[in-house]
Amino acid sequence: MSKKDLKNEENEEVVPQEDVQVEEVVNEPTELELAQEKADDFEDKYLRMAAEMQNIQRRSNEERQTLQRYRSQDLAKKILPSIDNLERALAIDEMDESVRKGIEMVQESLSRALAEEGVEEISSEGTFDPNFHMAVQTVPADDEHPAETIVQVLQKGYKLHERVLRPSMVVVAQ
């Protein structure tokens, strides 16, 4: 080796690499960013509360409408036995004609008042429907009355709009 090579070798000292630590730059949120987060949070809470208030108002209106629609339910339930009694009285054959006429007028008046409130008689013809009829007796099915048909109505049923006030009491063929 020549002197030059030796010098180059000596000059080429191995310099240890310094460990360079990269410091993570943590961006701390500024006051503006913190304020923006708070504002976004408050806006979210406000929107949720506004939606909740709308839901409360909607439910309140629906409940008020339901109460209005069925306000006469209790009164109708109390009047129905009187209508039944008037029908029983009209079934009596030995009655003075003027008394019969008076009972018919009272019955008609009560029925008309109930109809104006939305009370209507449940149809008891045809097949048995457990939503509207109550089977109090069964009889064997025959040619005239096939199974699951109403043979006789013992007591009329009534409903207020779509809500059953009293189911019809019927005899059903089985």
Protein backbone atom coordinates (compact mmCIF):
# COMPACT_ATOMS: atom_id res chain seq x y z
CA MET A 1 0.00 0.00 0.00
CA SER A 2 1.18 3.37 -0.68
CA LYS A 3 1.45 6.21 1.70
CA LYS A 4 -1.46 7.88 0.07
CA ASP A 5 -3.71 4.93 0.66
CA LEU A 6 -2.67 4.80 4.28
CA LYS A 7 -3.48 8.43 4.76
CA ASN A 8 -6.85 7.98 3.17
CA GLU A 9 -7.49 5.04 5.38
CA GLU A 10 -6.58 6.98 8.46
CA ASN A 11 -8.69 9.87 7.43
CA GLU A 12 -11.63 7.65 6.92
CA GLU A 13 -12.37 7.19 10.48
CA VAL A 14 -15.57 5.56 11.25
CA VAL A 15 -17.70 8.19 12.75
CA PRO A 16 -20.46 6.71 14.81
CA GLN A 17 -23.87 7.74 13.61
CA GLU A 18 -25.66 9.78 16.14
CA ASP A 19 -29.10 8.52 16.95
CA VAL A 20 -31.32 11.13 15.58
CA GLN A 21 -34.56 11.10 17.45
CA VAL A 22 -37.42 12.50 15.59
CA GLU A 23 -39.58 14.38 17.92
CA GLU A 24 -43.22 14.05 17.15
CA VAL A 25 -44.74 17.34 16.55
CA VAL A 26 -47.87 17.43 18.60
CA ASN A 27 -50.17 20.11 17.50
CA GLU A 28 -52.00 21.20 20.56
CA PRO A 29 -55.45 22.45 19.71
CA THR A 30 -55.64 26.17 19.59
CA GLU A 31 -58.24 28.18 21.39
CA LEU A 32 -60.09 28.63 18.15
CA GLU A 33 -60.23 24.88 17.52
CA LEU A 34 -61.40 24.23 21.08
CA ALA A 35 -64.08 26.87 20.71
CA GLN A 36 -65.15 25.36 17.38
CA GLU A 37 -65.44 21.89 18.98
CA LYS A 38 -67.57 23.35 21.76
CA ALA A 39 -69.74 25.17 19.26
CA ASP A 40 -70.20 21.98 17.22
CA ASP A 41 -71.11 20.08 20.39
CA PHE A 42 -73.66 22.71 21.41
CA GLU A 43 -75.13 22.77 17.90
CA ASP A 44 -75.50 18.98 17.97
CA LYS A 45 -77.21 19.14 21.38
CA TYR A 46 -79.47 21.93 20.16
CA LEU A 47 -80.51 19.98 17.07
CA ARG A 48 -81.22 16.88 19.15
CA MET A 49 -83.33 18.86 21.61
CA ALA A 50 -85.22 20.57 18.78
CA ALA A 51 -85.98 17.17 17.23
CA GLU A 52 -87.10 15.86 20.61
CA MET A 53 -89.43 18.84 21.07
CA GLN A 54 -90.96 18.21 17.63
CA ASN A 55 -91.51 14.56 18.56
CA ILE A 56 -93.14 15.56 21.85
CA GLN A 57 -95.45 17.99 20.05
CA ARG A 58 -96.34 15.39 17.42
CA ARG A 59 -97.12 12.75 20.07
CA SER A 60 -99.14 15.27 22.03
CA ASN A 61 -101.21 16.15 18.96
CA GLU A 62 -101.77 12.46 18.17
CA GLU A 63 -102.88 11.77 21.75
CA ARG A 64 -105.20 14.79 21.70
CA GLN A 65 -106.76 13.59 18.43
CA THR A 66 -107.20 10.07 19.83
CA LEU A 67 -108.85 11.44 22.97
CA GLN A 68 -111.14 13.60 20.85
CA ARG A 69 -112.01 10.66 18.58
CA TYR A 70 -112.91 8.33 21.47
CA ARG A 71 -114.25 10.89 23.96
CA SER A 72 -117.74 9.36 23.95
CA GLN A 73 -116.57 5.79 24.56
CA ASP A 74 -117.43 5.64 28.26
CA LEU A 75 -120.83 7.26 27.77
CA ALA A 76 -121.66 4.88 24.92
CA LYS A 77 -120.75 1.86 27.06
CA LYS A 78 -123.16 3.11 29.73
CA ILE A 79 -125.99 3.69 27.24
CA LEU A 80 -125.75 0.32 25.46
CA PRO A 81 -127.58 -1.63 28.22
CA SER A 82 -130.48 0.84 27.95
CA ILE A 83 -130.71 0.23 24.22
CA ASP A 84 -130.74 -3.52 24.92
CA ASN A 85 -133.59 -3.04 27.40
CA LEU A 86 -135.57 -0.99 24.89
CA GLU A 87 -135.16 -3.77 22.30
CA ARG A 88 -136.35 -6.35 24.85
CA ALA A 89 -139.37 -4.17 25.64
CA LEU A 90 -140.20 -3.94 21.94
CA ALA A 91 -140.06 -7.74 21.68
CA ILE A 92 -143.08 -8.01 23.98
CA ASP A 93 -146.17 -8.71 21.91
CA GLU A 94 -148.81 -7.61 24.39
CA MET A 95 -148.09 -3.90 24.47
CA ASP A 96 -150.27 -0.88 23.82
CA GLU A 97 -149.48 0.66 20.42
CA SER A 98 -148.85 4.14 21.84
CA VAL A 99 -146.36 2.73 24.37
CA ARG A 100 -144.65 0.77 21.61
CA LYS A 101 -144.42 3.92 19.48
CA GLY A 102 -142.91 5.85 22.40
CA ILE A 103 -140.29 3.16 23.07
CA GLU A 104 -139.41 3.03 19.36
CA MET A 105 -138.93 6.81 19.31
CA VAL A 106 -136.64 6.71 22.36
CA GLN A 107 -134.65 3.83 20.92
CA GLU A 108 -134.32 5.55 17.56
CA SER A 109 -133.24 8.79 19.21
CA LEU A 110 -130.53 7.06 21.27
CA SER A 111 -129.31 5.09 18.27
CA ARG A 112 -129.09 8.23 16.14
CA ALA A 113 -127.15 10.10 18.86
CA LEU A 114 -124.68 7.21 19.17
CA ALA A 115 -124.30 7.01 15.39
CA GLU A 116 -123.45 10.73 15.26
CA GLU A 117 -120.62 10.03 17.70
CA GLY A 118 -119.31 7.18 15.54
CA VAL A 119 -120.88 4.23 17.38
CA GLU A 120 -122.13 1.54 15.03
CA GLU A 121 -123.55 -1.94 15.39
CA ILE A 122 -121.21 -4.85 14.63
CA SER A 123 -122.47 -7.02 11.81
CA SER A 124 -123.20 -10.51 13.09
CA GLU A 125 -123.96 -12.23 9.83
CA GLY A 126 -121.77 -14.81 8.17
CA THR A 127 -118.56 -16.18 9.62
CA PHE A 128 -117.42 -15.90 13.21
CA ASP A 129 -114.69 -13.30 13.83
CA PRO A 130 -113.13 -13.43 17.32
CA ASN A 131 -112.18 -9.75 16.99
CA PHE A 132 -115.84 -8.73 16.93
CA HIS A 133 -117.81 -11.72 18.26
CA MET A 134 -117.85 -13.67 21.51
CA ALA A 135 -118.98 -17.27 21.17
CA VAL A 136 -121.10 -18.08 24.22
CA GLN A 137 -122.46 -21.34 22.85
CA THR A 138 -121.69 -23.78 20.05
CA VAL A 139 -123.99 -26.08 18.11
CA PRO A 140 -123.12 -28.85 15.65
CA ALA A 141 -122.64 -27.67 12.07
CA ASP A 142 -125.20 -28.78 9.47
CA ASP A 143 -126.12 -28.04 5.88
CA GLU A 144 -127.84 -24.79 6.79
CA HIS A 145 -125.04 -23.56 9.10
CA PRO A 146 -121.52 -24.67 8.10
CA ALA A 147 -118.68 -24.64 10.63
CA GLU A 148 -117.51 -21.26 11.98
CA THR A 149 -120.72 -19.45 11.03
CA ILE A 150 -122.98 -17.50 13.35
CA VAL A 151 -126.26 -19.28 14.06
CA GLN A 152 -127.87 -16.80 16.45
CA VAL A 153 -127.11 -13.41 18.00
CA LEU A 154 -127.82 -13.29 21.73
CA GLN A 155 -126.66 -9.70 22.27
CA LYS A 156 -125.69 -7.08 19.70
CA GLY A 157 -122.14 -5.80 19.63
CA TYR A 158 -121.03 -2.22 19.03
CA LYS A 159 -117.87 -0.43 18.01
CA LEU A 160 -116.73 3.18 18.15
CA HIS A 161 -114.94 3.85 14.88
CA GLU A 162 -112.61 0.82 14.70
CA ARG A 163 -112.50 0.15 18.46
CA VAL A 164 -114.83 -2.54 19.83
CA LEU A 165 -117.01 -1.28 22.69
CA ARG A 166 -118.74 -4.59 23.22
CA PRO A 167 -118.42 -7.77 21.15
CA SER A 168 -121.54 -9.46 19.81
CA MET A 169 -122.52 -12.49 21.91
CA VAL A 170 -123.29 -15.24 19.44
CA VAL A 171 -124.02 -18.94 19.01
CA VAL A 172 -121.54 -20.51 16.57
CA ALA A 173 -121.78 -23.68 14.50
CA GLN A 174 -118.84 -26.08 15.00
